[in-house]
Amino acid sequence: MLNVQSGFENRVLNTVRKVDGIEEAYMSYGVYDIAAKLRTYTMDELKDIIQNKLRQINGVRATSSMILVER
């Protein structure tokens, strides 16, 4: 989940969709501006995508993650 600076929503959404590992990304209304689904196989991969890719996008103010596991 991403909080985005006002006016940057479309630009950030288009950039997020191009990040390797992102499977889906959508604009949302409410607490978060963008919801993105990504898949990784290690926590290091997850950390890399969040810290070095998503948080570095111009206009991203904050991120929040929910880690889901398959059973």
N, C-alpha and C. Protein backbone atom coordinates (compact mmCIF):
# COMPACT_ATOMS: atom_id res chain seq x y z
N MET A 1 0.85 -1.16 0.00
CA MET A 1 0.00 0.00 0.00
C MET A 1 0.90 1.23 0.00
N LEU A 2 0.52 2.22 -0.80
CA LEU A 2 1.34 3.42 -0.90
C LEU A 2 0.51 4.67 -0.66
N ASN A 3 1.08 5.58 0.10
CA ASN A 3 0.55 6.93 0.23
C ASN A 3 1.36 7.81 -0.72
N VAL A 4 0.64 8.61 -1.49
CA VAL A 4 1.28 9.38 -2.56
C VAL A 4 0.94 10.86 -2.40
N GLN A 5 1.90 11.69 -2.75
CA GLN A 5 1.70 13.13 -2.73
C GLN A 5 0.58 13.49 -3.70
N SER A 6 -0.28 14.38 -3.29
CA SER A 6 -1.42 14.80 -4.11
C SER A 6 -0.94 15.29 -5.48
N GLY A 7 -1.61 14.81 -6.52
CA GLY A 7 -1.26 15.19 -7.88
C GLY A 7 -0.29 14.24 -8.56
N PHE A 8 0.30 13.31 -7.80
CA PHE A 8 1.28 12.37 -8.34
C PHE A 8 0.70 10.97 -8.56
N GLU A 9 -0.57 10.78 -8.27
CA GLU A 9 -1.16 9.45 -8.27
C GLU A 9 -0.98 8.69 -9.58
N ASN A 10 -1.36 9.28 -10.69
CA ASN A 10 -1.25 8.58 -11.98
C ASN A 10 0.19 8.29 -12.36
N ARG A 11 1.05 9.25 -12.14
CA ARG A 11 2.47 9.08 -12.47
C ARG A 11 3.08 7.95 -11.64
N VAL A 12 2.79 7.94 -10.34
CA VAL A 12 3.32 6.89 -9.46
C VAL A 12 2.74 5.54 -9.85
N LEU A 13 1.44 5.47 -10.11
CA LEU A 13 0.82 4.21 -10.49
C LEU A 13 1.47 3.63 -11.73
N ASN A 14 1.69 4.44 -12.75
CA ASN A 14 2.34 3.96 -13.97
C ASN A 14 3.75 3.47 -13.71
N THR A 15 4.48 4.14 -12.83
CA THR A 15 5.84 3.73 -12.50
C THR A 15 5.84 2.44 -11.70
N VAL A 16 4.94 2.33 -10.73
CA VAL A 16 4.84 1.12 -9.91
C VAL A 16 4.58 -0.10 -10.79
N ARG A 17 3.71 0.04 -11.76
CA ARG A 17 3.36 -1.07 -12.64
C ARG A 17 4.54 -1.58 -13.45
N LYS A 18 5.59 -0.78 -13.60
CA LYS A 18 6.77 -1.17 -14.37
C LYS A 18 7.86 -1.82 -13.52
N VAL A 19 7.70 -1.82 -12.21
CA VAL A 19 8.72 -2.37 -11.30
C VAL A 19 8.69 -3.90 -11.39
N ASP A 20 9.87 -4.50 -11.56
CA ASP A 20 9.97 -5.96 -11.58
C ASP A 20 9.46 -6.52 -10.26
N GLY A 21 8.61 -7.53 -10.35
CA GLY A 21 8.05 -8.15 -9.16
C GLY A 21 6.62 -7.72 -8.88
N ILE A 22 6.21 -6.58 -9.43
CA ILE A 22 4.84 -6.12 -9.24
C ILE A 22 3.92 -6.90 -10.17
N GLU A 23 2.93 -7.56 -9.61
CA GLU A 23 1.97 -8.33 -10.41
C GLU A 23 0.74 -7.52 -10.78
N GLU A 24 0.29 -6.67 -9.86
CA GLU A 24 -0.88 -5.84 -10.09
C GLU A 24 -0.73 -4.55 -9.29
N ALA A 25 -1.32 -3.47 -9.79
CA ALA A 25 -1.33 -2.21 -9.05
C ALA A 25 -2.57 -1.43 -9.45
N TYR A 26 -3.23 -0.84 -8.45
CA TYR A 26 -4.49 -0.14 -8.67
C TYR A 26 -4.54 1.14 -7.86
N MET A 27 -5.26 2.13 -8.38
CA MET A 27 -5.57 3.33 -7.63
C MET A 27 -6.63 2.95 -6.61
N SER A 28 -6.56 3.51 -5.42
CA SER A 28 -7.57 3.23 -4.40
C SER A 28 -7.98 4.53 -3.72
N TYR A 29 -9.13 4.49 -3.08
CA TYR A 29 -9.64 5.64 -2.35
C TYR A 29 -9.73 5.25 -0.89
N GLY A 30 -9.30 6.15 -0.03
CA GLY A 30 -9.31 5.87 1.40
C GLY A 30 -7.97 6.22 2.00
N VAL A 31 -7.53 5.42 2.93
CA VAL A 31 -6.28 5.68 3.65
C VAL A 31 -5.09 5.63 2.70
N TYR A 32 -5.11 4.70 1.74
CA TYR A 32 -3.99 4.53 0.81
C TYR A 32 -4.41 4.97 -0.59
N ASP A 33 -3.45 5.43 -1.36
CA ASP A 33 -3.72 5.92 -2.71
C ASP A 33 -3.52 4.84 -3.77
N ILE A 34 -2.59 3.93 -3.52
CA ILE A 34 -2.28 2.87 -4.48
C ILE A 34 -2.12 1.56 -3.73
N ALA A 35 -2.73 0.51 -4.28
CA ALA A 35 -2.56 -0.84 -3.75
C ALA A 35 -1.79 -1.63 -4.80
N ALA A 36 -0.72 -2.28 -4.39
CA ALA A 36 0.09 -3.06 -5.33
C ALA A 36 0.31 -4.46 -4.77
N LYS A 37 0.25 -5.42 -5.66
CA LYS A 37 0.51 -6.81 -5.29
C LYS A 37 1.84 -7.21 -5.91
N LEU A 38 2.73 -7.71 -5.09
CA LEU A 38 4.00 -8.19 -5.62
C LEU A 38 4.30 -9.56 -5.08
N ARG A 39 5.14 -10.27 -5.80
CA ARG A 39 5.50 -11.63 -5.38
C ARG A 39 7.01 -11.73 -5.33
N THR A 40 7.49 -12.21 -4.19
CA THR A 40 8.92 -12.50 -4.04
C THR A 40 9.06 -13.86 -3.38
N TYR A 41 10.25 -14.38 -3.44
CA TYR A 41 10.51 -15.69 -2.85
C TYR A 41 11.37 -15.60 -1.59
N THR A 42 11.93 -14.42 -1.35
CA THR A 42 12.72 -14.22 -0.14
C THR A 42 12.40 -12.86 0.47
N MET A 43 12.67 -12.73 1.75
CA MET A 43 12.48 -11.44 2.42
C MET A 43 13.47 -10.40 1.90
N ASP A 44 14.65 -10.85 1.47
CA ASP A 44 15.62 -9.92 0.91
C ASP A 44 15.10 -9.29 -0.38
N GLU A 45 14.43 -10.10 -1.21
CA GLU A 45 13.83 -9.57 -2.44
C GLU A 45 12.74 -8.55 -2.11
N LEU A 46 11.91 -8.89 -1.13
CA LEU A 46 10.84 -7.98 -0.71
C LEU A 46 11.42 -6.66 -0.22
N LYS A 47 12.42 -6.75 0.63
CA LYS A 47 13.07 -5.55 1.18
C LYS A 47 13.66 -4.70 0.06
N ASP A 48 14.29 -5.33 -0.92
CA ASP A 48 14.89 -4.60 -2.03
C ASP A 48 13.84 -3.84 -2.84
N ILE A 49 12.75 -4.50 -3.15
CA ILE A 49 11.70 -3.85 -3.95
C ILE A 49 11.11 -2.67 -3.20
N ILE A 50 10.81 -2.87 -1.92
CA ILE A 50 10.18 -1.79 -1.15
C ILE A 50 11.15 -0.63 -0.93
N GLN A 51 12.33 -0.92 -0.42
CA GLN A 51 13.27 0.15 -0.06
C GLN A 51 13.94 0.81 -1.26
N ASN A 52 14.35 0.00 -2.22
CA ASN A 52 15.17 0.54 -3.31
C ASN A 52 14.41 0.85 -4.58
N LYS A 53 13.16 0.45 -4.66
CA LYS A 53 12.38 0.74 -5.86
C LYS A 53 11.14 1.56 -5.53
N LEU A 54 10.23 1.01 -4.76
CA LEU A 54 8.96 1.71 -4.50
C LEU A 54 9.17 3.01 -3.72
N ARG A 55 9.92 2.97 -2.65
CA ARG A 55 10.10 4.17 -1.83
C ARG A 55 10.93 5.25 -2.53
N GLN A 56 11.61 4.89 -3.59
CA GLN A 56 12.44 5.85 -4.32
C GLN A 56 11.67 6.56 -5.43
N ILE A 57 10.44 6.14 -5.69
CA ILE A 57 9.63 6.77 -6.73
C ILE A 57 9.23 8.17 -6.28
N ASN A 58 9.45 9.14 -7.13
CA ASN A 58 9.10 10.52 -6.81
C ASN A 58 7.60 10.63 -6.58
N GLY A 59 7.21 11.15 -5.42
CA GLY A 59 5.82 11.31 -5.07
C GLY A 59 5.33 10.32 -4.03
N VAL A 60 6.08 9.25 -3.79
CA VAL A 60 5.70 8.28 -2.76
C VAL A 60 6.06 8.87 -1.40
N ARG A 61 5.05 8.97 -0.53
CA ARG A 61 5.28 9.52 0.81
C ARG A 61 5.54 8.43 1.83
N ALA A 62 4.81 7.30 1.72
CA ALA A 62 4.95 6.22 2.70
C ALA A 62 4.44 4.92 2.10
N THR A 63 4.94 3.82 2.65
CA THR A 63 4.46 2.50 2.24
C THR A 63 4.04 1.72 3.48
N SER A 64 3.15 0.78 3.25
CA SER A 64 2.73 -0.14 4.30
C SER A 64 2.59 -1.51 3.65
N SER A 65 3.08 -2.53 4.33
CA SER A 65 3.11 -3.86 3.74
C SER A 65 2.28 -4.86 4.54
N MET A 66 1.76 -5.83 3.83
CA MET A 66 1.09 -6.96 4.44
C MET A 66 1.68 -8.20 3.77
N ILE A 67 2.31 -9.05 4.56
CA ILE A 67 2.95 -10.23 4.01
C ILE A 67 1.96 -11.39 4.12
N LEU A 68 1.65 -11.98 2.97
CA LEU A 68 0.74 -13.11 2.91
C LEU A 68 1.54 -14.36 2.56
N VAL A 69 1.17 -15.47 3.16
CA VAL A 69 1.84 -16.73 2.88
C VAL A 69 0.82 -17.74 2.38
N GLU A 70 1.26 -18.59 1.50
CA GLU A 70 0.38 -19.64 1.01
C GLU A 70 0.51 -20.85 1.90
N ARG A 71 -0.59 -21.56 2.09
CA ARG A 71 -0.56 -22.78 2.90
C ARG A 71 -0.79 -23.95 2.02
